[in-house]
PDB file of all heavy atoms in Angstrom:
ATOM      1  N   LYS A   1      -9.173   2.199  11.657  1.00  0.00           N
ATOM      2  CA  LYS A   1      -9.458   0.838  11.210  1.00  0.00           C
ATOM      3  C   LYS A   1      -9.199  -0.158  12.312  1.00  0.00           C
ATOM      4  O   LYS A   1      -8.245   0.008  13.072  1.00  0.00           O
ATOM      5  CB  LYS A   1      -8.681   0.530   9.909  1.00  0.00           C
ATOM      6  CG  LYS A   1      -8.895   1.410   8.750  1.00  0.00           C
ATOM      7  CD  LYS A   1     -10.327   1.258   8.237  1.00  0.00           C
ATOM      8  CE  LYS A   1     -10.572   2.190   7.059  1.00  0.00           C
ATOM      9  NZ  LYS A   1     -11.949   2.031   6.527  1.00  0.00           N
ATOM     10  N   LYS A   2      -9.899  -1.200  12.296  1.00  0.00           N
ATOM     11  CA  LYS A   2      -9.683  -2.329  13.258  1.00  0.00           C
ATOM     12  C   LYS A   2      -8.848  -3.372  12.530  1.00  0.00           C
ATOM     13  O   LYS A   2      -9.252  -3.933  11.486  1.00  0.00           O
ATOM     14  CB  LYS A   2     -10.994  -2.946  13.794  1.00  0.00           C
ATOM     15  CG  LYS A   2     -11.895  -2.001  14.503  1.00  0.00           C
ATOM     16  CD  LYS A   2     -11.334  -1.636  15.885  1.00  0.00           C
ATOM     17  CE  LYS A   2     -12.280  -0.803  16.676  1.00  0.00           C
ATOM     18  NZ  LYS A   2     -11.724  -0.437  18.007  1.00  0.00           N
ATOM     19  N   LEU A   3      -7.679  -3.634  13.149  1.00  0.00           N
ATOM     20  CA  LEU A   3      -6.777  -4.703  12.507  1.00  0.00           C
ATOM     21  C   LEU A   3      -6.670  -5.926  13.461  1.00  0.00           C
ATOM     22  O   LEU A   3      -6.646  -5.758  14.661  1.00  0.00           O
ATOM     23  CB  LEU A   3      -5.388  -4.091  12.314  1.00  0.00           C
ATOM     24  CG  LEU A   3      -5.227  -2.831  11.542  1.00  0.00           C
ATOM     25  CD1 LEU A   3      -3.747  -2.486  11.393  1.00  0.00           C
ATOM     26  CD2 LEU A   3      -5.877  -2.943  10.147  1.00  0.00           C
ATOM     27  N   ASN A   4      -6.667  -7.071  12.844  1.00  0.00           N
ATOM     28  CA  ASN A   4      -6.408  -8.301  13.601  1.00  0.00           C
ATOM     29  C   ASN A   4      -4.965  -8.743  13.280  1.00  0.00           C
ATOM     30  O   ASN A   4      -4.660  -9.153  12.157  1.00  0.00           O
ATOM     31  CB  ASN A   4      -7.377  -9.395  13.172  1.00  0.00           C
ATOM     32  CG  ASN A   4      -8.829  -9.094  13.552  1.00  0.00           C
ATOM     33  OD1 ASN A   4      -9.074  -8.641  14.649  1.00  0.00           O
ATOM     34  ND2 ASN A   4      -9.771  -9.363  12.733  1.00  0.00           N
ATOM     35  N   LEU A   5      -4.090  -8.574  14.238  1.00  0.00           N
ATOM     36  CA  LEU A   5      -2.648  -8.904  14.063  1.00  0.00           C
ATOM     37  C   LEU A   5      -2.490 -10.380  14.376  1.00  0.00           C
ATOM     38  O   LEU A   5      -2.863 -10.881  15.454  1.00  0.00           O
ATOM     39  CB  LEU A   5      -1.858  -8.049  15.060  1.00  0.00           C
ATOM     40  CG  LEU A   5      -2.041  -6.558  14.973  1.00  0.00           C
ATOM     41  CD1 LEU A   5      -1.095  -5.859  15.874  1.00  0.00           C
ATOM     42  CD2 LEU A   5      -1.932  -6.040  13.507  1.00  0.00           C
ATOM     43  N   ILE A   6      -1.941 -11.125  13.461  1.00  0.00           N
ATOM     44  CA  ILE A   6      -1.889 -12.540  13.509  1.00  0.00           C
ATOM     45  C   ILE A   6      -0.458 -13.002  13.881  1.00  0.00           C
ATOM     46  O   ILE A   6       0.503 -12.680  13.167  1.00  0.00           O
ATOM     47  CB  ILE A   6      -2.235 -13.159  12.148  1.00  0.00           C
ATOM     48  CG1 ILE A   6      -3.665 -12.659  11.718  1.00  0.00           C
ATOM     49  CG2 ILE A   6      -2.229 -14.713  12.210  1.00  0.00           C
ATOM     50  CD1 ILE A   6      -4.008 -13.065  10.260  1.00  0.00           C
ATOM     51  N   SER A   7      -0.378 -13.735  14.998  1.00  0.00           N
ATOM     52  CA  SER A   7       0.918 -14.330  15.373  1.00  0.00           C
ATOM     53  C   SER A   7       0.770 -15.835  15.283  1.00  0.00           C
ATOM     54  O   SER A   7      -0.250 -16.369  14.849  1.00  0.00           O
ATOM     55  CB  SER A   7       1.307 -13.892  16.746  1.00  0.00           C
ATOM     56  OG  SER A   7       0.335 -14.294  17.712  1.00  0.00           O
ATOM     57  N   GLU A   8       1.782 -16.588  15.695  1.00  0.00           N
ATOM     58  CA  GLU A   8       1.820 -18.000  15.489  1.00  0.00           C
ATOM     59  C   GLU A   8       0.664 -18.715  16.257  1.00  0.00           C
ATOM     60  O   GLU A   8       0.094 -19.705  15.863  1.00  0.00           O
ATOM     61  CB  GLU A   8       3.152 -18.628  15.958  1.00  0.00           C
ATOM     62  CG  GLU A   8       4.297 -18.273  14.999  1.00  0.00           C
ATOM     63  CD  GLU A   8       5.563 -18.932  15.361  1.00  0.00           C
ATOM     64  OE1 GLU A   8       5.586 -19.657  16.401  1.00  0.00           O
ATOM     65  OE2 GLU A   8       6.543 -18.728  14.660  1.00  0.00           O
ATOM     66  N   ASP A   9       0.367 -18.154  17.467  1.00  0.00           N
ATOM     67  CA  ASP A   9      -0.578 -18.868  18.314  1.00  0.00           C
ATOM     68  C   ASP A   9      -1.796 -18.003  18.741  1.00  0.00           C
ATOM     69  O   ASP A   9      -2.580 -18.479  19.567  1.00  0.00           O
ATOM     70  CB  ASP A   9       0.112 -19.376  19.600  1.00  0.00           C
ATOM     71  CG  ASP A   9       0.883 -18.292  20.316  1.00  0.00           C
ATOM     72  OD1 ASP A   9       0.852 -17.154  19.850  1.00  0.00           O
ATOM     73  OD2 ASP A   9       1.469 -18.619  21.375  1.00  0.00           O
ATOM     74  N   SER A  10      -1.865 -16.818  18.179  1.00  0.00           N
ATOM     75  CA  SER A  10      -3.035 -15.959  18.598  1.00  0.00           C
ATOM     76  C   SER A  10      -3.304 -14.886  17.593  1.00  0.00           C
ATOM     77  O   SER A  10      -2.441 -14.615  16.725  1.00  0.00           O
ATOM     78  CB  SER A  10      -2.756 -15.354  20.046  1.00  0.00           C
ATOM     79  OG  SER A  10      -1.663 -14.489  19.971  1.00  0.00           O
ATOM     80  N   THR A  11      -4.428 -14.232  17.775  1.00  0.00           N
ATOM     81  CA  THR A  11      -4.784 -13.044  16.958  1.00  0.00           C
ATOM     82  C   THR A  11      -5.101 -11.951  17.925  1.00  0.00           C
ATOM     83  O   THR A  11      -5.935 -12.114  18.810  1.00  0.00           O
ATOM     84  CB  THR A  11      -5.985 -13.366  16.039  1.00  0.00           C
ATOM     85  OG1 THR A  11      -5.598 -14.440  15.136  1.00  0.00           O
ATOM     86  CG2 THR A  11      -6.365 -12.156  15.219  1.00  0.00           C
ATOM     87  N   THR A  12      -4.490 -10.806  17.656  1.00  0.00           N
ATOM     88  CA  THR A  12      -4.731  -9.628  18.576  1.00  0.00           C
ATOM     89  C   THR A  12      -5.367  -8.524  17.787  1.00  0.00           C
ATOM     90  O   THR A  12      -4.967  -8.073  16.741  1.00  0.00           O
ATOM     91  CB  THR A  12      -3.329  -9.107  19.058  1.00  0.00           C
ATOM     92  OG1 THR A  12      -2.672 -10.163  19.692  1.00  0.00           O
ATOM     93  CG2 THR A  12      -3.545  -7.980  20.080  1.00  0.00           C
ATOM     94  N   ALA A  13      -6.523  -8.008  18.323  1.00  0.00           N
ATOM     95  CA  ALA A  13      -7.248  -6.943  17.670  1.00  0.00           C
ATOM     96  C   ALA A  13      -6.747  -5.566  18.218  1.00  0.00           C
ATOM     97  O   ALA A  13      -6.652  -5.371  19.450  1.00  0.00           O
ATOM     98  CB  ALA A  13      -8.766  -7.098  18.017  1.00  0.00           C
ATOM     99  N   VAL A  14      -6.416  -4.676  17.301  1.00  0.00           N
ATOM    100  CA  VAL A  14      -5.932  -3.376  17.652  1.00  0.00           C
ATOM    101  C   VAL A  14      -6.715  -2.337  16.846  1.00  0.00           C
ATOM    102  O   VAL A  14      -7.185  -2.565  15.767  1.00  0.00           O
ATOM    103  CB  VAL A  14      -4.406  -3.225  17.428  1.00  0.00           C
ATOM    104  CG1 VAL A  14      -3.625  -4.251  18.177  1.00  0.00           C
ATOM    105  CG2 VAL A  14      -4.129  -3.263  15.971  1.00  0.00           C
ATOM    106  N   SER A  15      -6.753  -1.130  17.449  1.00  0.00           N
ATOM    107  CA  SER A  15      -7.326   0.025  16.780  1.00  0.00           C
ATOM    108  C   SER A  15      -6.156   0.852  16.174  1.00  0.00           C
ATOM    109  O   SER A  15      -5.248   1.216  16.872  1.00  0.00           O
ATOM    110  CB  SER A  15      -8.158   0.865  17.682  1.00  0.00           C
ATOM    111  OG  SER A  15      -8.647   1.961  17.088  1.00  0.00           O
ATOM    112  N   ALA A  16      -6.213   1.014  14.845  1.00  0.00           N
ATOM    113  CA  ALA A  16      -5.106   1.684  14.159  1.00  0.00           C
ATOM    114  C   ALA A  16      -5.631   2.843  13.406  1.00  0.00           C
ATOM    115  O   ALA A  16      -6.758   2.845  12.842  1.00  0.00           O
ATOM    116  CB  ALA A  16      -4.358   0.709  13.225  1.00  0.00           C
ATOM    117  N   THR A  17      -4.819   3.930  13.305  1.00  0.00           N
ATOM    118  CA  THR A  17      -5.176   5.117  12.564  1.00  0.00           C
ATOM    119  C   THR A  17      -4.447   5.157  11.264  1.00  0.00           C
ATOM    120  O   THR A  17      -3.208   4.755  11.238  1.00  0.00           O
ATOM    121  CB  THR A  17      -4.820   6.418  13.344  1.00  0.00           C
ATOM    122  OG1 THR A  17      -5.560   6.365  14.604  1.00  0.00           O
ATOM    123  CG2 THR A  17      -5.243   7.614  12.571  1.00  0.00           C
ATOM    124  N   ILE A  18      -5.076   5.534  10.153  1.00  0.00           N
ATOM    125  CA  ILE A  18      -4.376   5.599   8.846  1.00  0.00           C
ATOM    126  C   ILE A  18      -3.461   6.872   8.940  1.00  0.00           C
ATOM    127  O   ILE A  18      -3.933   8.003   9.036  1.00  0.00           O
ATOM    128  CB  ILE A  18      -5.325   5.740   7.705  1.00  0.00           C
ATOM    129  CG1 ILE A  18      -6.170   4.482   7.647  1.00  0.00           C
ATOM    130  CG2 ILE A  18      -4.592   5.959   6.375  1.00  0.00           C
ATOM    131  CD1 ILE A  18      -7.198   4.469   6.501  1.00  0.00           C
ATOM    132  N   HIS A  19      -2.153   6.664   8.978  1.00  0.00           N
ATOM    133  CA  HIS A  19      -1.195   7.747   9.035  1.00  0.00           C
ATOM    134  C   HIS A  19      -1.026   8.439   7.658  1.00  0.00           C
ATOM    135  O   HIS A  19      -0.963   9.641   7.610  1.00  0.00           O
ATOM    136  CB  HIS A  19       0.161   7.158   9.514  1.00  0.00           C
ATOM    137  CG  HIS A  19       1.217   8.212   9.617  1.00  0.00           C
ATOM    138  ND1 HIS A  19       2.064   8.465   8.559  1.00  0.00           N
ATOM    139  CD2 HIS A  19       1.612   9.008  10.656  1.00  0.00           C
ATOM    140  CE1 HIS A  19       2.931   9.410   8.936  1.00  0.00           C
ATOM    141  NE2 HIS A  19       2.630   9.749  10.142  1.00  0.00           N
ATOM    142  N   SER A  20      -0.931   7.621   6.579  1.00  0.00           N
ATOM    143  CA  SER A  20      -0.830   8.214   5.326  1.00  0.00           C
ATOM    144  C   SER A  20      -1.242   7.194   4.225  1.00  0.00           C
ATOM    145  O   SER A  20      -1.286   5.987   4.527  1.00  0.00           O
ATOM    146  CB  SER A  20       0.645   8.602   5.033  1.00  0.00           C
ATOM    147  OG  SER A  20       1.499   7.505   5.046  1.00  0.00           O
ATOM    148  N   ILE A  21      -1.631   7.728   3.060  1.00  0.00           N
ATOM    149  CA  ILE A  21      -2.034   6.868   1.934  1.00  0.00           C
ATOM    150  C   ILE A  21      -1.291   7.372   0.675  1.00  0.00           C
ATOM    151  O   ILE A  21      -1.307   8.550   0.360  1.00  0.00           O
ATOM    152  CB  ILE A  21      -3.546   6.981   1.667  1.00  0.00           C
ATOM    153  CG1 ILE A  21      -4.322   6.387   2.872  1.00  0.00           C
ATOM    154  CG2 ILE A  21      -3.892   6.161   0.389  1.00  0.00           C
ATOM    155  CD1 ILE A  21      -5.805   6.372   2.669  1.00  0.00           C
ATOM    156  N   THR A  22      -0.649   6.436  -0.075  1.00  0.00           N
ATOM    157  CA  THR A  22       0.118   6.769  -1.266  1.00  0.00           C
ATOM    158  C   THR A  22      -0.534   5.937  -2.385  1.00  0.00           C
ATOM    159  O   THR A  22      -0.220   4.782  -2.542  1.00  0.00           O
ATOM    160  CB  THR A  22       1.608   6.476  -1.125  1.00  0.00           C
ATOM    161  OG1 THR A  22       2.088   7.128   0.011  1.00  0.00           O
ATOM    162  CG2 THR A  22       2.357   6.941  -2.375  1.00  0.00           C
ATOM    163  N   PRO A  23      -1.401   6.587  -3.238  1.00  0.00           N
ATOM    164  CA  PRO A  23      -2.098   5.871  -4.268  1.00  0.00           C
ATOM    165  C   PRO A  23      -1.121   5.372  -5.353  1.00  0.00           C
ATOM    166  O   PRO A  23      -0.095   6.025  -5.632  1.00  0.00           O
ATOM    167  CB  PRO A  23      -3.091   6.940  -4.843  1.00  0.00           C
ATOM    168  CG  PRO A  23      -3.196   7.952  -3.799  1.00  0.00           C
ATOM    169  CD  PRO A  23      -1.816   8.009  -3.107  1.00  0.00           C
ATOM    170  N   GLY A  24      -1.447   4.244  -5.980  1.00  0.00           N
ATOM    171  CA  GLY A  24      -0.739   3.747  -7.155  1.00  0.00           C
ATOM    172  C   GLY A  24      -1.764   3.287  -8.211  1.00  0.00           C
ATOM    173  O   GLY A  24      -2.927   3.304  -7.991  1.00  0.00           O
ATOM    174  N   GLU A  25      -1.214   2.845  -9.327  1.00  0.00           N
ATOM    175  CA  GLU A  25      -2.108   2.347 -10.415  1.00  0.00           C
ATOM    176  C   GLU A  25      -2.943   1.186  -9.985  1.00  0.00           C
ATOM    177  O   GLU A  25      -4.181   1.145 -10.185  1.00  0.00           O
ATOM    178  CB  GLU A  25      -1.280   1.998 -11.669  1.00  0.00           C
ATOM    179  CG  GLU A  25      -0.798   3.283 -12.414  1.00  0.00           C
ATOM    180  CD  GLU A  25      -0.212   2.910 -13.738  1.00  0.00           C
ATOM    181  OE1 GLU A  25      -0.512   1.789 -14.233  1.00  0.00           O
ATOM    182  OE2 GLU A  25       0.563   3.660 -14.323  1.00  0.00           O
ATOM    183  N   THR A  26      -2.242   0.130  -9.502  1.00  0.00           N
ATOM    184  CA  THR A  26      -2.990  -1.034  -9.110  1.00  0.00           C
ATOM    185  C   THR A  26      -2.971  -1.262  -7.583  1.00  0.00           C
ATOM    186  O   THR A  26      -3.853  -1.933  -7.056  1.00  0.00           O
ATOM    187  CB  THR A  26      -2.338  -2.271  -9.722  1.00  0.00           C
ATOM    188  OG1 THR A  26      -0.930  -2.385  -9.362  1.00  0.00           O
ATOM    189  CG2 THR A  26      -2.436  -2.195 -11.289  1.00  0.00           C
ATOM    190  N   GLU A  27      -1.942  -0.729  -6.894  1.00  0.00           N
ATOM    191  CA  GLU A  27      -1.843  -0.937  -5.439  1.00  0.00           C
ATOM    192  C   GLU A  27      -1.609   0.448  -4.768  1.00  0.00           C
ATOM    193  O   GLU A  27      -0.978   1.303  -5.332  1.00  0.00           O
ATOM    194  CB  GLU A  27      -0.674  -1.892  -5.099  1.00  0.00           C
ATOM    195  CG  GLU A  27      -0.978  -3.345  -5.452  1.00  0.00           C
ATOM    196  CD  GLU A  27       0.072  -4.264  -4.842  1.00  0.00           C
ATOM    197  OE1 GLU A  27       1.243  -3.847  -4.767  1.00  0.00           O
ATOM    198  OE2 GLU A  27      -0.306  -5.355  -4.425  1.00  0.00           O
ATOM    199  N   THR A  28      -2.208   0.504  -3.530  1.00  0.00           N
ATOM    200  CA  THR A  28      -2.008   1.737  -2.809  1.00  0.00           C
ATOM    201  C   THR A  28      -1.301   1.365  -1.494  1.00  0.00           C
ATOM    202  O   THR A  28      -1.666   0.437  -0.822  1.00  0.00           O
ATOM    203  CB  THR A  28      -3.386   2.357  -2.491  1.00  0.00           C
ATOM    204  OG1 THR A  28      -3.980   2.843  -3.689  1.00  0.00           O
ATOM    205  CG2 THR A  28      -3.226   3.534  -1.501  1.00  0.00           C
ATOM    206  N   LYS A  29      -0.223   2.184  -1.183  1.00  0.00           N
ATOM    207  CA  LYS A  29       0.470   1.994   0.104  1.00  0.00           C
ATOM    208  C   LYS A  29      -0.223   2.700   1.177  1.00  0.00           C
ATOM    209  O   LYS A  29      -0.534   3.876   1.098  1.00  0.00           O
ATOM    210  CB  LYS A  29       1.889   2.496  -0.086  1.00  0.00           C
ATOM    211  CG  LYS A  29       2.750   2.193   1.189  1.00  0.00           C
ATOM    212  CD  LYS A  29       4.176   2.682   1.028  1.00  0.00           C
ATOM    213  CE  LYS A  29       4.274   4.136   1.446  1.00  0.00           C
ATOM    214  NZ  LYS A  29       5.635   4.598   1.581  1.00  0.00           N
ATOM    215  N   VAL A  30      -0.534   1.942   2.281  1.00  0.00           N
ATOM    216  CA  VAL A  30      -1.207   2.474   3.444  1.00  0.00           C
ATOM    217  C   VAL A  30      -0.269   2.273   4.670  1.00  0.00           C
ATOM    218  O   VAL A  30       0.264   1.241   4.872  1.00  0.00           O
ATOM    219  CB  VAL A  30      -2.536   1.744   3.689  1.00  0.00           C
ATOM    220  CG1 VAL A  30      -3.253   2.385   4.931  1.00  0.00           C
ATOM    221  CG2 VAL A  30      -3.453   1.863   2.467  1.00  0.00           C
ATOM    222  N   VAL A  31      -0.162   3.372   5.423  1.00  0.00           N
ATOM    223  CA  VAL A  31       0.653   3.354   6.684  1.00  0.00           C
ATOM    224  C   VAL A  31      -0.295   3.471   7.833  1.00  0.00           C
ATOM    225  O   VAL A  31      -0.995   4.478   7.916  1.00  0.00           O
ATOM    226  CB  VAL A  31       1.756   4.438   6.708  1.00  0.00           C
ATOM    227  CG1 VAL A  31       2.520   4.318   7.995  1.00  0.00           C
ATOM    228  CG2 VAL A  31       2.689   4.297   5.509  1.00  0.00           C
TER     229      VAL A  31
END
């Protein structure tokens, strides 16, 4: 996935891999 990391004065685009997914009823934890 492509993530835009937001800091106070800039936005940095990074390429990230989904390490793990933990499903929930309403929310899913993604690492």
